[in-house]
Structures are given as structure tokens and as C-alpha cells.
N, C-alpha and C. Protein backbone atom coordinates (compact mmCIF):
# COMPACT_ATOMS: atom_id res chain seq x y z
N UNK A 1 0.82 -1.19 0.00
CA UNK A 1 0.00 0.00 0.00
C UNK A 1 0.88 1.27 0.00
N UNK A 2 1.89 1.28 0.86
CA UNK A 2 2.79 2.43 0.95
C UNK A 2 3.59 2.60 -0.35
N UNK A 3 4.03 1.49 -0.94
CA UNK A 3 4.78 1.53 -2.20
C UNK A 3 3.90 2.04 -3.33
N UNK A 4 2.63 1.70 -3.31
CA UNK A 4 1.70 2.16 -4.35
C UNK A 4 1.53 3.68 -4.28
N UNK A 5 1.45 4.23 -3.07
CA UNK A 5 1.32 5.68 -2.91
C UNK A 5 2.56 6.39 -3.44
N UNK A 6 3.73 5.85 -3.12
CA UNK A 6 4.99 6.45 -3.60
C UNK A 6 5.05 6.38 -5.13
N UNK A 7 4.67 5.24 -5.69
CA UNK A 7 4.66 5.07 -7.15
C UNK A 7 3.72 6.08 -7.80
N UNK A 8 2.51 6.23 -7.25
CA UNK A 8 1.54 7.18 -7.81
C UNK A 8 2.04 8.62 -7.68
N UNK A 9 2.69 8.95 -6.57
CA UNK A 9 3.24 10.29 -6.39
C UNK A 9 4.33 10.57 -7.41
N UNK A 10 5.24 9.63 -7.62
CA UNK A 10 6.30 9.80 -8.62
C UNK A 10 5.71 9.93 -10.02
N UNK A 11 4.71 9.12 -10.34
CA UNK A 11 4.06 9.19 -11.64
C UNK A 11 3.41 10.56 -11.85
N UNK A 12 2.77 11.08 -10.81
CA UNK A 12 2.14 12.40 -10.88
C UNK A 12 3.18 13.49 -11.12
N UNK A 13 4.31 13.42 -10.45
CA UNK A 13 5.39 14.40 -10.62
C UNK A 13 5.92 14.36 -12.05
N UNK A 14 6.17 13.18 -12.57
CA UNK A 14 6.69 13.04 -13.94
C UNK A 14 5.70 13.59 -14.95
N UNK A 15 4.42 13.23 -14.80
CA UNK A 15 3.41 13.71 -15.75
C UNK A 15 3.23 15.22 -15.67
N UNK A 16 3.26 15.79 -14.47
CA UNK A 16 3.09 17.24 -14.35
C UNK A 16 4.29 17.98 -14.93
N UNK A 17 5.47 17.42 -14.84
CA UNK A 17 6.65 18.05 -15.44
C UNK A 17 6.50 18.11 -16.95
N UNK A 18 5.96 17.06 -17.55
CA UNK A 18 5.76 17.04 -19.00
C UNK A 18 4.67 18.01 -19.43
N UNK A 19 3.66 18.21 -18.60
CA UNK A 19 2.58 19.13 -18.93
C UNK A 19 3.09 20.56 -18.99
N UNK A 20 3.99 20.93 -18.05
CA UNK A 20 4.47 22.30 -17.97
C UNK A 20 5.67 22.58 -18.86
N UNK A 21 6.30 21.57 -19.40
CA UNK A 21 7.46 21.80 -20.27
C UNK A 21 6.98 22.24 -21.64
N UNK A 22 7.68 23.19 -22.21
CA UNK A 22 7.32 23.71 -23.53
C UNK A 22 8.06 22.92 -24.60
N UNK A 23 7.32 22.51 -25.60
CA UNK A 23 7.95 21.82 -26.71
C UNK A 23 8.75 22.82 -27.53
N UNK A 24 9.97 22.46 -27.86
CA UNK A 24 10.83 23.31 -28.66
C UNK A 24 10.69 22.87 -30.12
N UNK A 25 10.43 23.81 -30.99
CA UNK A 25 10.34 23.53 -32.42
C UNK A 25 11.67 23.89 -33.07
N UNK A 26 11.99 23.24 -34.16
CA UNK A 26 13.28 23.44 -34.81
C UNK A 26 13.56 24.89 -35.20
N UNK A 27 12.55 25.61 -35.65
CA UNK A 27 12.75 26.98 -36.11
C UNK A 27 12.63 28.03 -35.00
N UNK A 28 12.43 27.61 -33.76
CA UNK A 28 12.33 28.56 -32.65
C UNK A 28 13.60 29.38 -32.47
N UNK A 29 14.69 28.91 -32.97
CA UNK A 29 15.99 29.58 -32.80
C UNK A 29 16.20 30.71 -33.82
N UNK A 30 15.41 30.74 -34.86
CA UNK A 30 15.58 31.73 -35.92
C UNK A 30 15.35 33.14 -35.39
N UNK A 31 16.16 34.07 -35.88
CA UNK A 31 15.99 35.46 -35.49
C UNK A 31 17.30 36.13 -35.13
N UNK A 32 17.18 37.23 -34.40
CA UNK A 32 18.32 38.06 -34.05
C UNK A 32 18.65 37.88 -32.56
N UNK A 33 19.94 37.70 -32.28
CA UNK A 33 20.40 37.44 -30.91
C UNK A 33 21.55 38.37 -30.54
N UNK A 34 21.41 39.06 -29.42
CA UNK A 34 22.47 39.93 -28.91
C UNK A 34 23.45 39.06 -28.12
N UNK A 35 24.73 39.16 -28.47
CA UNK A 35 25.75 38.36 -27.79
C UNK A 35 25.82 38.74 -26.32
N UNK A 36 26.42 37.85 -25.54
CA UNK A 36 26.53 38.07 -24.10
C UNK A 36 27.24 39.38 -23.77
N UNK A 37 28.22 39.76 -24.56
CA UNK A 37 28.97 41.00 -24.31
C UNK A 37 28.16 42.23 -24.71
N UNK A 38 27.12 42.05 -25.52
CA UNK A 38 26.33 43.18 -25.99
C UNK A 38 26.99 43.94 -27.13
N UNK A 39 28.06 43.40 -27.67
CA UNK A 39 28.82 44.11 -28.71
C UNK A 39 28.51 43.62 -30.12
N UNK A 40 27.62 42.64 -30.26
CA UNK A 40 27.28 42.14 -31.59
C UNK A 40 25.91 41.48 -31.61
N UNK A 41 25.25 41.56 -32.77
CA UNK A 41 23.99 40.86 -32.98
C UNK A 41 24.23 39.82 -34.07
N UNK A 42 23.79 38.61 -33.81
CA UNK A 42 23.94 37.50 -34.74
C UNK A 42 22.55 37.12 -35.23
N UNK A 43 22.40 37.00 -36.54
CA UNK A 43 21.15 36.54 -37.12
C UNK A 43 21.28 35.05 -37.36
N UNK A 44 20.41 34.26 -36.71
CA UNK A 44 20.38 32.82 -36.94
C UNK A 44 19.36 32.57 -38.04
N UNK A 45 19.77 31.83 -39.06
CA UNK A 45 18.92 31.55 -40.21
C UNK A 45 19.09 30.09 -40.62
N UNK A 46 18.18 29.64 -41.47
CA UNK A 46 18.17 28.24 -41.89
C UNK A 46 18.58 28.14 -43.36
N UNK A 47 19.48 27.20 -43.65
CA UNK A 47 19.87 26.87 -45.02
C UNK A 47 19.67 25.37 -45.17
N UNK A 48 18.66 24.98 -45.95
CA UNK A 48 18.34 23.56 -46.06
C UNK A 48 17.88 23.05 -44.71
N UNK A 49 18.56 22.03 -44.19
CA UNK A 49 18.20 21.51 -42.87
C UNK A 49 19.22 21.89 -41.80
N UNK A 50 20.09 22.85 -42.11
CA UNK A 50 21.07 23.30 -41.11
C UNK A 50 20.79 24.75 -40.70
N UNK A 51 21.24 25.06 -39.50
CA UNK A 51 21.08 26.39 -38.94
C UNK A 51 22.45 27.04 -38.84
N UNK A 52 22.53 28.27 -39.32
CA UNK A 52 23.77 29.03 -39.34
C UNK A 52 23.50 30.41 -38.76
N UNK A 53 24.57 31.15 -38.54
CA UNK A 53 24.41 32.50 -38.04
C UNK A 53 25.47 33.42 -38.59
N UNK A 54 25.11 34.70 -38.72
CA UNK A 54 26.07 35.69 -39.21
C UNK A 54 25.96 36.96 -38.39
N UNK A 55 27.07 37.65 -38.29
CA UNK A 55 27.11 38.93 -37.58
C UNK A 55 26.41 39.99 -38.43
N UNK A 56 25.41 40.65 -37.85
CA UNK A 56 24.67 41.66 -38.60
C UNK A 56 24.74 43.04 -37.96
N UNK A 57 25.26 43.13 -36.76
CA UNK A 57 25.41 44.42 -36.08
C UNK A 57 26.63 44.33 -35.17
N UNK A 58 27.50 45.32 -35.28
CA UNK A 58 28.71 45.36 -34.47
C UNK A 58 28.81 46.72 -33.79
N UNK A 59 28.91 46.71 -32.49
CA UNK A 59 28.96 47.95 -31.71
C UNK A 59 30.05 48.89 -32.21
N UNK A 60 31.25 48.36 -32.43
CA UNK A 60 32.37 49.22 -32.84
C UNK A 60 32.12 49.93 -34.16
N UNK A 61 31.44 49.26 -35.08
CA UNK A 61 31.16 49.88 -36.37
C UNK A 61 30.08 50.95 -36.25
N UNK A 62 29.01 50.62 -35.56
CA UNK A 62 27.87 51.52 -35.51
C UNK A 62 28.02 52.66 -34.52
N UNK A 63 29.04 52.62 -33.69
CA UNK A 63 29.31 53.75 -32.80
C UNK A 63 30.40 54.64 -33.38
N UNK A 64 31.00 54.21 -34.49
CA UNK A 64 32.02 55.02 -35.13
C UNK A 64 33.42 54.76 -34.61
N UNK A 65 33.57 53.82 -33.69
CA UNK A 65 34.90 53.52 -33.15
C UNK A 65 35.83 52.98 -34.24
N UNK A 66 35.26 52.16 -35.12
CA UNK A 66 36.01 51.58 -36.25
C UNK A 66 35.12 51.68 -37.48
N UNK A 67 35.67 52.14 -38.59
CA UNK A 67 34.88 52.27 -39.81
C UNK A 67 34.40 50.90 -40.30
N UNK A 68 35.29 49.94 -40.36
CA UNK A 68 34.93 48.59 -40.82
C UNK A 68 35.76 47.57 -40.03
N UNK A 69 35.16 46.97 -38.97
CA UNK A 69 35.90 45.97 -38.20
C UNK A 69 36.31 44.79 -39.09
N UNK A 70 37.54 44.38 -38.95
CA UNK A 70 38.09 43.30 -39.77
C UNK A 70 38.42 42.08 -38.92
N UNK A 71 38.56 40.95 -39.58
CA UNK A 71 38.83 39.67 -38.94
C UNK A 71 40.34 39.54 -38.66
N UNK A 72 40.89 40.48 -37.92
CA UNK A 72 42.33 40.61 -37.71
C UNK A 72 42.97 39.43 -36.98
N UNK A 73 42.21 38.71 -36.17
CA UNK A 73 42.76 37.61 -35.38
C UNK A 73 42.69 36.27 -36.10
N UNK A 74 42.18 36.26 -37.33
CA UNK A 74 42.07 35.00 -38.07
C UNK A 74 43.46 34.42 -38.30
N UNK A 75 43.64 33.11 -38.07
CA UNK A 75 44.95 32.50 -38.27
C UNK A 75 45.38 32.44 -39.74
N UNK A 76 44.42 32.57 -40.65
CA UNK A 76 44.72 32.57 -42.08
C UNK A 76 44.98 34.02 -42.52
N UNK A 77 46.21 34.32 -42.91
CA UNK A 77 46.58 35.69 -43.28
C UNK A 77 45.69 36.26 -44.39
N UNK A 78 45.21 35.41 -45.30
CA UNK A 78 44.36 35.87 -46.40
C UNK A 78 43.00 36.37 -45.91
N UNK A 79 42.57 35.91 -44.72
CA UNK A 79 41.25 36.28 -44.21
C UNK A 79 41.28 37.44 -43.20
N UNK A 80 42.45 37.90 -42.85
CA UNK A 80 42.57 38.96 -41.85
C UNK A 80 41.99 40.29 -42.31
N UNK A 81 41.84 40.47 -43.60
CA UNK A 81 41.31 41.74 -44.10
C UNK A 81 39.81 41.66 -44.43
N UNK A 82 39.17 40.51 -44.17
CA UNK A 82 37.73 40.42 -44.46
C UNK A 82 36.92 41.13 -43.37
N UNK A 83 35.83 41.78 -43.76
CA UNK A 83 34.99 42.49 -42.80
C UNK A 83 34.26 41.51 -41.88
N UNK A 84 34.05 41.93 -40.64
CA UNK A 84 33.28 41.12 -39.70
C UNK A 84 31.78 41.26 -39.95
N UNK A 85 31.36 42.41 -40.45
CA UNK A 85 29.95 42.64 -40.74
C UNK A 85 29.49 41.65 -41.81
N UNK A 86 28.54 40.80 -41.48
CA UNK A 86 28.05 39.79 -42.41
C UNK A 86 28.80 38.47 -42.33
N UNK A 87 29.80 38.39 -41.47
CA UNK A 87 30.61 37.17 -41.33
C UNK A 87 29.78 36.02 -40.76
N UNK A 88 29.83 34.89 -41.42
CA UNK A 88 29.15 33.68 -40.96
C UNK A 88 29.98 33.07 -39.83
N UNK A 89 29.46 33.13 -38.61
CA UNK A 89 30.23 32.63 -37.46
C UNK A 89 29.60 31.42 -36.78
N UNK A 90 28.39 31.06 -37.13
CA UNK A 90 27.75 29.83 -36.67
C UNK A 90 27.50 28.97 -37.90
N UNK A 91 27.99 27.73 -37.88
CA UNK A 91 27.91 26.90 -39.09
C UNK A 91 27.51 25.48 -38.75
N UNK A 92 26.52 24.96 -39.51
CA UNK A 92 26.24 23.53 -39.52
C UNK A 92 25.48 22.94 -38.36
N UNK A 93 24.61 23.67 -37.71
CA UNK A 93 23.84 23.12 -36.59
C UNK A 93 22.61 22.39 -37.11
N UNK A 94 22.30 21.27 -36.47
CA UNK A 94 21.11 20.49 -36.81
C UNK A 94 20.26 20.35 -35.56
N UNK A 95 18.95 20.41 -35.76
CA UNK A 95 18.03 20.30 -34.63
C UNK A 95 17.88 18.84 -34.23
N UNK A 96 17.97 18.59 -32.91
CA UNK A 96 17.83 17.24 -32.38
C UNK A 96 17.06 17.31 -31.07
N UNK A 97 15.79 17.00 -31.10
CA UNK A 97 14.87 17.02 -29.95
C UNK A 97 14.66 18.41 -29.39
N UNK A 98 15.56 18.89 -28.54
CA UNK A 98 15.36 20.20 -27.93
C UNK A 98 16.62 21.07 -27.99
N UNK A 99 17.57 20.70 -28.85
CA UNK A 99 18.78 21.50 -29.01
C UNK A 99 19.32 21.41 -30.43
N UNK A 100 20.23 22.30 -30.75
CA UNK A 100 20.86 22.36 -32.06
C UNK A 100 22.32 21.94 -31.85
N UNK A 101 22.73 20.88 -32.52
CA UNK A 101 24.04 20.27 -32.25
C UNK A 101 24.85 20.12 -33.54
N UNK A 102 26.10 19.70 -33.36
CA UNK A 102 26.95 19.35 -34.49
C UNK A 102 27.52 20.52 -35.25
N UNK A 103 27.41 21.72 -34.72
CA UNK A 103 27.90 22.89 -35.42
C UNK A 103 29.19 23.43 -34.83
N UNK A 104 29.63 24.54 -35.41
CA UNK A 104 30.81 25.23 -34.91
C UNK A 104 30.52 26.71 -34.75
N UNK A 105 31.28 27.34 -33.87
CA UNK A 105 31.21 28.79 -33.71
C UNK A 105 32.61 29.34 -33.90
N UNK A 106 32.69 30.39 -34.70
CA UNK A 106 33.96 31.09 -34.91
C UNK A 106 33.95 32.32 -34.02
N UNK A 107 35.00 32.49 -33.23
CA UNK A 107 35.15 33.64 -32.36
C UNK A 107 36.14 34.62 -32.99
N UNK A 108 35.65 35.71 -33.60
CA UNK A 108 36.56 36.65 -34.27
C UNK A 108 37.49 37.37 -33.30
N UNK A 109 37.14 37.41 -32.03
CA UNK A 109 37.99 38.07 -31.04
C UNK A 109 39.28 37.28 -30.81
N UNK A 110 39.20 35.95 -30.89
CA UNK A 110 40.39 35.10 -30.69
C UNK A 110 40.89 34.48 -31.99
N UNK A 111 40.05 34.47 -33.03
CA UNK A 111 40.41 33.82 -34.28
C UNK A 111 40.29 32.31 -34.23
N UNK A 112 39.58 31.80 -33.23
CA UNK A 112 39.46 30.34 -33.05
C UNK A 112 38.05 29.85 -33.36
N UNK A 113 37.98 28.61 -33.83
CA UNK A 113 36.72 27.96 -34.11
C UNK A 113 36.54 26.82 -33.11
N UNK A 114 35.33 26.73 -32.57
CA UNK A 114 35.03 25.72 -31.55
C UNK A 114 33.83 24.88 -31.97
N UNK A 115 33.80 23.63 -31.56
CA UNK A 115 32.58 22.83 -31.67
C UNK A 115 31.56 23.49 -30.76
N UNK A 116 30.28 23.34 -31.08
CA UNK A 116 29.27 24.00 -30.26
C UNK A 116 27.92 23.32 -30.37
N UNK A 117 27.09 23.60 -29.38
CA UNK A 117 25.68 23.26 -29.45
C UNK A 117 24.89 24.37 -28.79
N UNK A 118 23.60 24.47 -29.13
CA UNK A 118 22.76 25.55 -28.64
C UNK A 118 21.44 24.99 -28.13
N UNK A 119 20.87 25.69 -27.16
CA UNK A 119 19.54 25.34 -26.65
C UNK A 119 18.86 26.63 -26.19
N UNK A 120 17.53 26.56 -26.10
CA UNK A 120 16.78 27.71 -25.62
C UNK A 120 16.44 27.51 -24.15
N UNK A 121 16.86 28.44 -23.30
CA UNK A 121 16.50 28.40 -21.89
C UNK A 121 15.04 28.83 -21.75
N UNK A 122 14.63 29.79 -22.59
CA UNK A 122 13.25 30.26 -22.70
C UNK A 122 13.13 30.94 -24.06
N UNK A 123 11.99 31.55 -24.35
CA UNK A 123 11.78 32.16 -25.67
C UNK A 123 12.77 33.26 -26.00
N UNK A 124 13.33 33.91 -24.98
CA UNK A 124 14.21 35.05 -25.24
C UNK A 124 15.67 34.82 -24.85
N UNK A 125 16.02 33.60 -24.44
CA UNK A 125 17.39 33.32 -24.01
C UNK A 125 17.95 32.09 -24.72
N UNK A 126 19.04 32.31 -25.44
CA UNK A 126 19.73 31.23 -26.14
C UNK A 126 21.00 30.89 -25.37
N UNK A 127 21.19 29.62 -25.09
CA UNK A 127 22.43 29.19 -24.44
C UNK A 127 23.29 28.51 -25.49
N UNK A 128 24.50 29.01 -25.64
CA UNK A 128 25.43 28.47 -26.63
C UNK A 128 26.67 27.97 -25.89
N UNK A 129 27.01 26.71 -26.11
CA UNK A 129 28.19 26.13 -25.47
C UNK A 129 29.22 25.84 -26.53
N UNK A 130 30.36 26.52 -26.43
CA UNK A 130 31.49 26.27 -27.31
C UNK A 130 32.53 25.47 -26.55
N UNK A 131 33.17 24.51 -27.24
CA UNK A 131 34.11 23.65 -26.53
C UNK A 131 35.18 23.09 -27.45
N UNK A 132 36.22 22.58 -26.83
CA UNK A 132 37.30 21.90 -27.54
C UNK A 132 37.24 20.44 -27.11
N UNK A 133 37.13 19.52 -28.04
CA UNK A 133 37.10 18.10 -27.70
C UNK A 133 35.74 17.66 -27.20
N UNK A 134 35.51 17.78 -25.89
CA UNK A 134 34.24 17.38 -25.30
C UNK A 134 33.60 18.59 -24.60
N UNK A 135 32.26 18.61 -24.50
CA UNK A 135 31.58 19.77 -23.91
C UNK A 135 32.03 20.12 -22.49
N UNK A 136 32.59 19.16 -21.78
CA UNK A 136 33.07 19.42 -20.43
C UNK A 136 34.11 20.54 -20.42
N UNK A 137 34.93 20.59 -21.49
CA UNK A 137 35.98 21.59 -21.59
C UNK A 137 35.52 22.74 -22.48
N UNK A 138 34.58 23.50 -21.98
CA UNK A 138 34.04 24.59 -22.78
C UNK A 138 33.48 25.71 -21.93
N UNK A 139 32.77 26.59 -22.61
CA UNK A 139 32.18 27.76 -21.97
C UNK A 139 30.79 27.99 -22.55
N UNK A 140 29.85 28.31 -21.67
CA UNK A 140 28.49 28.60 -22.11
C UNK A 140 28.24 30.09 -22.02
N UNK A 141 27.68 30.65 -23.07
CA UNK A 141 27.29 32.06 -23.02
C UNK A 141 25.79 32.15 -23.30
N UNK A 142 25.18 33.21 -22.80
CA UNK A 142 23.76 33.43 -23.00
C UNK A 142 23.55 34.63 -23.91
N UNK A 143 22.74 34.43 -24.93
CA UNK A 143 22.40 35.50 -25.87
C UNK A 143 20.93 35.85 -25.67
N UNK A 144 20.59 37.11 -25.89
CA UNK A 144 19.21 37.57 -25.71
C UNK A 144 18.57 37.89 -27.07
N UNK A 145 17.34 37.42 -27.23
CA UNK A 145 16.60 37.65 -28.48
C UNK A 145 16.34 39.14 -28.66
N UNK A 146 16.45 39.60 -29.90
CA UNK A 146 16.20 40.99 -30.27
C UNK A 146 15.09 41.03 -31.31
N UNK A 147 14.44 42.18 -31.43
CA UNK A 147 13.36 42.33 -32.40
C UNK A 147 13.88 42.55 -33.82
N UNK A 148 15.10 43.08 -33.92
CA UNK A 148 15.67 43.36 -35.23
C UNK A 148 17.19 43.25 -35.15
N UNK A 149 17.85 43.57 -36.26
CA UNK A 149 19.32 43.51 -36.31
C UNK A 149 19.97 44.57 -35.43
N UNK A 150 19.21 45.57 -35.04
CA UNK A 150 19.73 46.59 -34.14
C UNK A 150 19.26 46.23 -32.73
N UNK A 151 20.16 46.21 -31.75
CA UNK A 151 19.75 45.82 -30.39
C UNK A 151 18.57 46.64 -29.89
N UNK A 152 17.65 45.97 -29.20
CA UNK A 152 16.44 46.62 -28.69
C UNK A 152 16.74 47.88 -27.90
N UNK A 153 17.83 47.88 -27.15
CA UNK A 153 18.16 49.05 -26.31
C UNK A 153 18.51 50.28 -27.14
N UNK A 154 18.77 50.11 -28.43
CA UNK A 154 19.10 51.22 -29.30
C UNK A 154 17.94 51.62 -30.21
N UNK A 155 16.78 51.03 -29.95
CA UNK A 155 15.60 51.31 -30.78
C UNK A 155 14.62 52.14 -29.97
N UNK A 156 14.19 53.24 -30.56
CA UNK A 156 13.20 54.10 -29.92
C UNK A 156 11.94 54.07 -30.78
N UNK A 157 10.80 53.75 -30.17
CA UNK A 157 9.56 53.70 -30.93
C UNK A 157 8.73 54.95 -30.62
N UNK A 158 8.12 55.50 -31.67
CA UNK A 158 7.33 56.71 -31.54
C UNK A 158 6.06 56.56 -32.37
N UNK A 159 4.94 56.27 -31.76
CA UNK A 159 3.61 56.06 -32.34
C UNK A 159 3.68 55.25 -33.64
N UNK A 160 3.35 55.86 -34.79
CA UNK A 160 3.30 55.13 -36.05
C UNK A 160 4.65 55.03 -36.75
N UNK A 161 5.63 55.73 -36.26
CA UNK A 161 6.93 55.74 -36.89
C UNK A 161 7.94 55.10 -35.93
N UNK A 162 8.69 54.13 -36.43
CA UNK A 162 9.72 53.52 -35.61
C UNK A 162 11.05 54.16 -36.00
N UNK A 163 11.67 54.80 -35.05
CA UNK A 163 12.95 55.46 -35.29
C UNK A 163 14.03 54.62 -34.63
N UNK A 164 14.97 54.17 -35.44
CA UNK A 164 16.09 53.42 -34.92
C UNK A 164 17.26 54.39 -34.81
N UNK A 165 17.69 54.62 -33.61
CA UNK A 165 18.67 55.65 -33.35
C UNK A 165 19.90 55.05 -32.70
N UNK A 166 21.03 55.31 -33.30
CA UNK A 166 22.30 54.88 -32.75
C UNK A 166 23.18 56.11 -32.61
N UNK A 167 23.76 56.30 -31.45
CA UNK A 167 24.60 57.46 -31.23
C UNK A 167 26.06 57.07 -31.20
N UNK A 168 26.90 57.92 -31.79
CA UNK A 168 28.35 57.71 -31.70
C UNK A 168 28.80 57.91 -30.26
N UNK A 169 29.89 57.26 -29.90
CA UNK A 169 30.44 57.45 -28.55
C UNK A 169 30.83 58.89 -28.32
N UNK A 170 31.34 59.57 -29.36
CA UNK A 170 31.76 60.95 -29.22
C UNK A 170 30.64 61.94 -29.55
N UNK A 171 29.44 61.44 -29.80
CA UNK A 171 28.24 62.23 -30.05
C UNK A 171 28.37 63.19 -31.23
N UNK A 172 29.26 62.92 -32.19
CA UNK A 172 29.40 63.78 -33.36
C UNK A 172 28.31 63.51 -34.39
N UNK A 173 27.87 62.27 -34.44
CA UNK A 173 26.97 61.89 -35.51
C UNK A 173 25.89 60.96 -35.00
N UNK A 174 24.71 61.07 -35.54
CA UNK A 174 23.62 60.15 -35.21
C UNK A 174 23.15 59.50 -36.50
N UNK A 175 22.91 58.21 -36.39
CA UNK A 175 22.42 57.47 -37.56
C UNK A 175 20.97 57.14 -37.29
N UNK A 176 20.11 57.52 -38.22
CA UNK A 176 18.69 57.27 -38.05
C UNK A 176 18.16 56.46 -39.23
N UNK A 177 17.30 55.56 -38.92
CA UNK A 177 16.61 54.82 -39.96
C UNK A 177 15.15 54.84 -39.59
N UNK A 178 14.34 55.33 -40.47
CA UNK A 178 12.91 55.46 -40.18
C UNK A 178 12.16 54.44 -41.01
N UNK A 179 11.26 53.71 -40.33
CA UNK A 179 10.42 52.73 -41.02
C UNK A 179 8.97 53.09 -40.73
N UNK A 180 8.13 53.13 -41.73
CA UNK A 180 6.72 53.39 -41.55
C UNK A 180 6.02 52.06 -41.29
N UNK A 181 5.09 52.04 -40.36
CA UNK A 181 4.33 50.82 -40.06
C UNK A 181 3.31 50.56 -41.11
């Protein structure tokens, strides 16, 4: 009798956990993600059955600190002069149950490429684990979902007109992009 109660309690706990868990769909990862440092936005997109990502916004470029950030840390001398804007830095991820695995992430800050996998902690938080060899020897970073290629904190909305405003660090110039709804 006592064992039956324990069994039923465990069964109830397992079933309730499944009721409250959100099913992750393969395309839930698509969109714009602000890196953990806040210095770049990566657009995750789908090509065939793989998920990739590219840099679409760089703080240094849009604040005027650097006219065109380059891939200076790349170990291949021929690639050191390529622009970071538009650089494909997430490659070859495949969806498997509740995560995206089998891909790589290129870190332009170090010039290194790591094996990686990604998962969603919630609708607005992406966890990306980059590692060498096995996931145990790696680092996890959290990225935040954005509404567009420009980080949400730099977007000002005004009634029917959305004004995207980015200010230079030295406040010499403002870049505005106006979109009509």
C-alpha cells in the first residue's frame, strides 16, 4: 500500500513536469540574438536543414569607433582583411529534440573555431556552449533575443513611426533609420 502511494506520487510528478514543459520547435531559434557581451547581434537563419548564423550588427562599427571591423585575429593571413559585418560565425547546426548540435562557432575576437551546441532556456534566451574536444571543456554564453538587427536598447519607438537611433560614442553623428508601419 505504501509503495503504491509512492509510485503514484512519482508518476504524478513526472506527468506534471511534462505538462508544464514547452515543446521546442526546430525553427524557434531563428531570429536576431544579442551576444553576451552586448557588442554584436547575430542573425540565426536556416539553409536547407542546417542552422547558421552571421554577424549583422557590431557595436564598434555603428558607434564610429572603427569604420569597418576586420577579422584581424584570423589564423589565415588571407582572411585577416575580411569584414566582420556579415561574417558567418555559426555553421552547420542540426536540430535534435530540444537543441541544435553538431555545429561550430567562430570567435573573431580570438580567431578560433570551436565545436558548439545551442539550446533555448526560454523564448528570449539562447544558451550556446562552445568547446574543444568534449563539452566538459568549454564555456556557455547566453544571448538575448532581439526584435531586429539593431539591439532593442538602441531602438526608440514613436507612435506610427519607428525610429532606430544609434549614437556615436563621441556624439558627433547620429544614424537614423525610419520605417513606416
